Amino acid sequence: MAKQRRVFEQGHHRKFLVVVDESPEVESALYYAALRISHTSGRLLLLYIIEPQEYQHWAGVRQVQLEEETNKAKALFRLMRRKLNNAGFDSIEHEEVVVEGTKSEQIVKLIEEDEDIAILVLGASIDPKGPGPLVSALGSGQMAGNFHIPITVVPGTLSLEDLKAFA
């Protein structure tokens, strides 16, 4: 059973969840969420997910991988903040979360735990093969019909200027 969203109750704030990685479409999702927040209020929640590797049975290797991925997450968060600041969104409040696990499971888990998350914003891949693994996993199949918040899929080809026209 999903937690009831409490985004409009006192002491709570509506959050737009953006999953951060190194894909180019993340930027479209980031700007779309920032524009929606600037027009309607809310906070930005940036999520980086460290996916498990096959060689996790070696504790030393696993620890090094976690440290490297955590450092990569921090660098990506700095980059995203810099992009937001350069685009004029420096007043948007945001949170940064790093978790370990499979992407779709960790997204669902975070949404279940944080009753202020109201919208998941994903960027669709510009690859002609499809919208990308995360959009495919969350936007279709069994999970799509049982998702507890709206999912906004932003075409990865849209620039900040394009998004300003309607977001």
C-alpha atoms as a PDB file:
ATOM      1  CA  MET A   1       0.000   0.000   0.000  1.00  0.00           C
ATOM      2  CA  ALA A   2       1.438   3.345  -1.042  1.00  0.00           C
ATOM      3  CA  LYS A   3       1.775   6.205   1.394  1.00  0.00           C
ATOM      4  CA  GLN A   4      -0.681   9.021   0.939  1.00  0.00           C
ATOM      5  CA  ARG A   5       1.015  12.056  -0.617  1.00  0.00           C
ATOM      6  CA  ARG A   6       1.155  14.970   1.820  1.00  0.00           C
ATOM      7  CA  VAL A   7       2.650  17.621  -0.428  1.00  0.00           C
ATOM      8  CA  PHE A   8       0.152  20.349   0.395  1.00  0.00           C
ATOM      9  CA  GLU A   9       0.017  19.846   4.162  1.00  0.00           C
ATOM     10  CA  GLN A  10       1.810  22.219   6.491  1.00  0.00           C
ATOM     11  CA  GLY A  11       5.496  21.383   6.802  1.00  0.00           C
ATOM     12  CA  HIS A  12       5.554  19.473   3.520  1.00  0.00           C
ATOM     13  CA  HIS A  13       6.696  20.514   0.060  1.00  0.00           C
ATOM     14  CA  ARG A  14       5.908  19.032  -3.322  1.00  0.00           C
ATOM     15  CA  LYS A  15       9.007  17.418  -4.784  1.00  0.00           C
ATOM     16  CA  PHE A  16       9.882  16.750  -8.405  1.00  0.00           C
ATOM     17  CA  LEU A  17      12.127  13.688  -8.609  1.00  0.00           C
ATOM     18  CA  VAL A  18      14.796  13.653 -11.340  1.00  0.00           C
ATOM     19  CA  VAL A  19      17.078  10.633 -11.726  1.00  0.00           C
ATOM     20  CA  VAL A  20      20.588  11.853 -12.483  1.00  0.00           C
ATOM     21  CA  ASP A  21      23.056   9.972 -14.646  1.00  0.00           C
ATOM     22  CA  GLU A  22      25.418  10.783 -17.498  1.00  0.00           C
ATOM     23  CA  SER A  23      22.837  10.514 -20.275  1.00  0.00           C
ATOM     24  CA  PRO A  24      22.181  13.644 -22.370  1.00  0.00           C
ATOM     25  CA  GLU A  25      18.412  13.486 -21.819  1.00  0.00           C
ATOM     26  CA  VAL A  26      18.818  14.189 -18.090  1.00  0.00           C
ATOM     27  CA  GLU A  27      19.280  17.844 -18.923  1.00  0.00           C
ATOM     28  CA  SER A  28      15.815  18.069 -20.511  1.00  0.00           C
ATOM     29  CA  ALA A  29      14.233  16.434 -17.457  1.00  0.00           C
ATOM     30  CA  LEU A  30      16.191  18.735 -15.132  1.00  0.00           C
ATOM     31  CA  TYR A  31      15.130  21.916 -16.933  1.00  0.00           C
ATOM     32  CA  TYR A  32      11.519  20.786 -17.239  1.00  0.00           C
ATOM     33  CA  ALA A  33      11.341  20.101 -13.491  1.00  0.00           C
ATOM     34  CA  ALA A  34      12.998  23.450 -12.710  1.00  0.00           C
ATOM     35  CA  LEU A  35      10.551  25.312 -14.931  1.00  0.00           C
ATOM     36  CA  ARG A  36       7.550  23.562 -13.342  1.00  0.00           C
ATOM     37  CA  ILE A  37       8.892  24.373  -9.870  1.00  0.00           C
ATOM     38  CA  SER A  38       9.461  28.021 -10.769  1.00  0.00           C
ATOM     39  CA  HIS A  39       5.884  28.298 -12.092  1.00  0.00           C
ATOM     40  CA  THR A  40       4.036  26.213  -9.514  1.00  0.00           C
ATOM     41  CA  SER A  41       6.351  25.927  -6.475  1.00  0.00           C
ATOM     42  CA  GLY A  42       8.050  22.886  -5.070  1.00  0.00           C
ATOM     43  CA  ARG A  43      11.499  21.421  -4.582  1.00  0.00           C
ATOM     44  CA  LEU A  44      13.834  19.437  -6.751  1.00  0.00           C
ATOM     45  CA  LEU A  45      15.010  16.006  -5.600  1.00  0.00           C
ATOM     46  CA  LEU A  46      18.033  14.751  -7.515  1.00  0.00           C
ATOM     47  CA  LEU A  47      18.584  11.001  -7.245  1.00  0.00           C
ATOM     48  CA  TYR A  48      21.714   9.084  -8.240  1.00  0.00           C
ATOM     49  CA  ILE A  49      21.546   5.310  -8.135  1.00  0.00           C
ATOM     50  CA  ILE A  50      24.653   3.165  -7.782  1.00  0.00           C
ATOM     51  CA  GLU A  51      23.816  -0.033  -9.595  1.00  0.00           C
ATOM     52  CA  PRO A  52      25.327  -3.275  -8.275  1.00  0.00           C
ATOM     53  CA  GLN A  53      28.190  -4.795 -10.222  1.00  0.00           C
ATOM     54  CA  GLU A  54      28.729  -8.489 -10.929  1.00  0.00           C
ATOM     55  CA  TYR A  55      31.883  -8.773  -8.813  1.00  0.00           C
ATOM     56  CA  GLN A  56      30.318  -7.751  -5.503  1.00  0.00           C
ATOM     57  CA  HIS A  57      31.546 -10.875  -3.742  1.00  0.00           C
ATOM     58  CA  TRP A  58      34.934  -9.181  -3.317  1.00  0.00           C
ATOM     59  CA  ALA A  59      34.466  -6.699  -0.493  1.00  0.00           C
ATOM     60  CA  GLY A  60      37.492  -4.573  -1.401  1.00  0.00           C
ATOM     61  CA  VAL A  61      36.442  -4.197  -5.023  1.00  0.00           C
ATOM     62  CA  ARG A  62      32.888  -3.404  -3.996  1.00  0.00           C
ATOM     63  CA  GLN A  63      34.056  -0.711  -1.566  1.00  0.00           C
ATOM     64  CA  VAL A  64      36.221   0.931  -4.234  1.00  0.00           C
ATOM     65  CA  GLN A  65      33.305   0.864  -6.680  1.00  0.00           C
ATOM     66  CA  LEU A  66      30.993   2.476  -4.107  1.00  0.00           C
ATOM     67  CA  GLU A  67      33.521   5.233  -3.415  1.00  0.00           C
ATOM     68  CA  GLU A  68      34.037   5.902  -7.131  1.00  0.00           C
ATOM     69  CA  GLU A  69      30.307   5.962  -7.827  1.00  0.00           C
ATOM     70  CA  THR A  70      29.648   8.238  -4.840  1.00  0.00           C
ATOM     71  CA  ASN A  71      32.288  10.651  -6.115  1.00  0.00           C
ATOM     72  CA  LYS A  72      30.739  10.502  -9.584  1.00  0.00           C
ATOM     73  CA  ALA A  73      27.328  11.268  -8.051  1.00  0.00           C
ATOM     74  CA  LYS A  74      28.703  14.300  -6.218  1.00  0.00           C
ATOM     75  CA  ALA A  75      30.327  15.560  -9.423  1.00  0.00           C
ATOM     76  CA  LEU A  76      27.071  15.110 -11.362  1.00  0.00           C
ATOM     77  CA  PHE A  77      25.130  16.930  -8.643  1.00  0.00           C
ATOM     78  CA  ARG A  78      27.596  19.847  -8.859  1.00  0.00           C
ATOM     79  CA  LEU A  79      27.213  19.871 -12.637  1.00  0.00           C
ATOM     80  CA  MET A  80      23.406  19.870 -12.399  1.00  0.00           C
ATOM     81  CA  ARG A  81      23.454  22.722  -9.855  1.00  0.00           C
ATOM     82  CA  ARG A  82      25.804  24.691 -12.104  1.00  0.00           C
ATOM     83  CA  LYS A  83      23.493  24.155 -15.105  1.00  0.00           C
ATOM     84  CA  LEU A  84      20.507  25.292 -13.034  1.00  0.00           C
ATOM     85  CA  ASN A  85      22.349  28.357 -11.742  1.00  0.00           C
ATOM     86  CA  ASN A  86      23.538  29.309 -15.237  1.00  0.00           C
ATOM     87  CA  ALA A  87      19.961  29.011 -16.513  1.00  0.00           C
ATOM     88  CA  GLY A  88      18.641  31.327 -13.784  1.00  0.00           C
ATOM     89  CA  PHE A  89      17.225  28.684 -11.434  1.00  0.00           C
ATOM     90  CA  ASP A  90      19.593  29.385  -8.550  1.00  0.00           C
ATOM     91  CA  SER A  91      16.730  30.014  -6.109  1.00  0.00           C
ATOM     92  CA  ILE A  92      15.227  26.526  -6.509  1.00  0.00           C
ATOM     93  CA  GLU A  93      15.601  24.440  -3.374  1.00  0.00           C
ATOM     94  CA  HIS A  94      16.920  20.975  -3.970  1.00  0.00           C
ATOM     95  CA  GLU A  95      17.986  17.782  -2.251  1.00  0.00           C
ATOM     96  CA  GLU A  96      20.539  15.222  -3.372  1.00  0.00           C
ATOM     97  CA  VAL A  97      20.169  11.522  -2.641  1.00  0.00           C
ATOM     98  CA  VAL A  98      22.559   8.665  -3.465  1.00  0.00           C
ATOM     99  CA  VAL A  99      21.321   5.080  -3.081  1.00  0.00           C
ATOM    100  CA  GLU A 100      22.536   1.650  -4.104  1.00  0.00           C
ATOM    101  CA  GLY A 101      20.466  -0.929  -5.997  1.00  0.00           C
ATOM    102  CA  THR A 102      18.621  -1.416  -9.247  1.00  0.00           C
ATOM    103  CA  LYS A 103      17.223   1.790 -10.696  1.00  0.00           C
ATOM    104  CA  SER A 104      13.538   0.937 -10.921  1.00  0.00           C
ATOM    105  CA  GLU A 105      13.454  -0.679  -7.463  1.00  0.00           C
ATOM    106  CA  GLN A 106      15.244   2.247  -5.807  1.00  0.00           C
ATOM    107  CA  ILE A 107      12.989   4.822  -7.471  1.00  0.00           C
ATOM    108  CA  VAL A 108       9.877   2.999  -6.268  1.00  0.00           C
ATOM    109  CA  LYS A 109      11.368   2.598  -2.782  1.00  0.00           C
ATOM    110  CA  LEU A 110      12.234   6.299  -2.479  1.00  0.00           C
ATOM    111  CA  ILE A 111       8.770   7.329  -3.671  1.00  0.00           C
ATOM    112  CA  GLU A 112       7.188   4.990  -1.122  1.00  0.00           C
ATOM    113  CA  GLU A 113       9.369   6.386   1.690  1.00  0.00           C
ATOM    114  CA  ASP A 114       9.081  10.106   0.860  1.00  0.00           C
ATOM    115  CA  GLU A 115       5.451  11.216   0.879  1.00  0.00           C
ATOM    116  CA  ASP A 116       6.438  14.627  -0.529  1.00  0.00           C
ATOM    117  CA  ILE A 117       7.505  13.245  -3.912  1.00  0.00           C
ATOM    118  CA  ALA A 118       4.661  14.149  -6.243  1.00  0.00           C
ATOM    119  CA  ILE A 119       6.062  13.811  -9.767  1.00  0.00           C
ATOM    120  CA  LEU A 120       8.794  11.714 -11.361  1.00  0.00           C
ATOM    121  CA  VAL A 121      10.394  13.510 -14.309  1.00  0.00           C
ATOM    122  CA  LEU A 122      12.343  11.377 -16.789  1.00  0.00           C
ATOM    123  CA  GLY A 123      14.125  12.320 -19.972  1.00  0.00           C
ATOM    124  CA  ALA A 124      13.425  10.127 -23.009  1.00  0.00           C
ATOM    125  CA  SER A 125      16.480   8.983 -24.906  1.00  0.00           C
ATOM    126  CA  ILE A 126      17.188  10.469 -28.303  1.00  0.00           C
ATOM    127  CA  ASP A 127      18.328   7.025 -29.486  1.00  0.00           C
ATOM    128  CA  PRO A 128      16.073   5.707 -32.273  1.00  0.00           C
ATOM    129  CA  LYS A 129      16.056   2.286 -30.560  1.00  0.00           C
ATOM    130  CA  GLY A 130      13.622   3.522 -27.924  1.00  0.00           C
ATOM    131  CA  PRO A 131      13.027   5.893 -25.016  1.00  0.00           C
ATOM    132  CA  GLY A 132      15.708   4.329 -22.823  1.00  0.00           C
ATOM    133  CA  PRO A 133      15.737   1.511 -20.279  1.00  0.00           C
ATOM    134  CA  LEU A 134      14.404   3.525 -17.357  1.00  0.00           C
ATOM    135  CA  VAL A 135      11.484   5.037 -19.270  1.00  0.00           C
ATOM    136  CA  SER A 136      10.709   1.603 -20.705  1.00  0.00           C
ATOM    137  CA  ALA A 137      10.856  -0.082 -17.290  1.00  0.00           C
ATOM    138  CA  LEU A 138       8.739   2.481 -15.453  1.00  0.00           C
ATOM    139  CA  GLY A 139       6.425   3.620 -18.227  1.00  0.00           C
ATOM    140  CA  SER A 140       5.232   0.288 -19.551  1.00  0.00           C
ATOM    141  CA  GLY A 141       4.417  -3.189 -18.397  1.00  0.00           C
ATOM    142  CA  GLN A 142       3.215  -4.191 -14.955  1.00  0.00           C
ATOM    143  CA  MET A 143       4.857  -1.306 -13.104  1.00  0.00           C
ATOM    144  CA  ALA A 144       3.214   1.468 -15.156  1.00  0.00           C
ATOM    145  CA  GLY A 145      -0.332   0.725 -14.086  1.00  0.00           C
ATOM    146  CA  ASN A 146       0.612   0.424 -10.432  1.00  0.00           C
ATOM    147  CA  PHE A 147       2.765   3.529 -10.111  1.00  0.00           C
ATOM    148  CA  HIS A 148       1.669   5.819  -7.267  1.00  0.00           C
ATOM    149  CA  ILE A 149       2.584   9.225  -8.711  1.00  0.00           C
ATOM    150  CA  PRO A 150       2.467  10.773 -12.179  1.00  0.00           C
ATOM    151  CA  ILE A 151       5.444  10.202 -14.462  1.00  0.00           C
ATOM    152  CA  THR A 152       6.374  12.991 -16.858  1.00  0.00           C
ATOM    153  CA  VAL A 153       8.540  11.890 -19.781  1.00  0.00           C
ATOM    154  CA  VAL A 154      10.352  14.775 -21.450  1.00  0.00           C
ATOM    155  CA  PRO A 155      11.780  14.275 -24.951  1.00  0.00           C
ATOM    156  CA  GLY A 156      15.551  14.432 -24.720  1.00  0.00           C
ATOM    157  CA  THR A 157      15.720  16.608 -27.817  1.00  0.00           C
ATOM    158  CA  LEU A 158      14.022  19.581 -26.132  1.00  0.00           C
ATOM    159  CA  SER A 159      16.285  22.474 -25.157  1.00  0.00           C
ATOM    160  CA  LEU A 160      15.718  24.892 -22.310  1.00  0.00           C
ATOM    161  CA  GLU A 161      14.317  27.407 -24.811  1.00  0.00           C
ATOM    162  CA  ASP A 162      11.914  24.796 -26.187  1.00  0.00           C
ATOM    163  CA  LEU A 163      10.749  23.898 -22.692  1.00  0.00           C
ATOM    164  CA  LYS A 164      10.171  27.515 -21.686  1.00  0.00           C
ATOM    165  CA  ALA A 165       7.385  27.690 -24.261  1.00  0.00           C
ATOM    166  CA  PHE A 166       5.148  25.255 -22.357  1.00  0.00           C
ATOM    167  CA  ALA A 167       6.588  24.043 -19.048  1.00  0.00           C
END
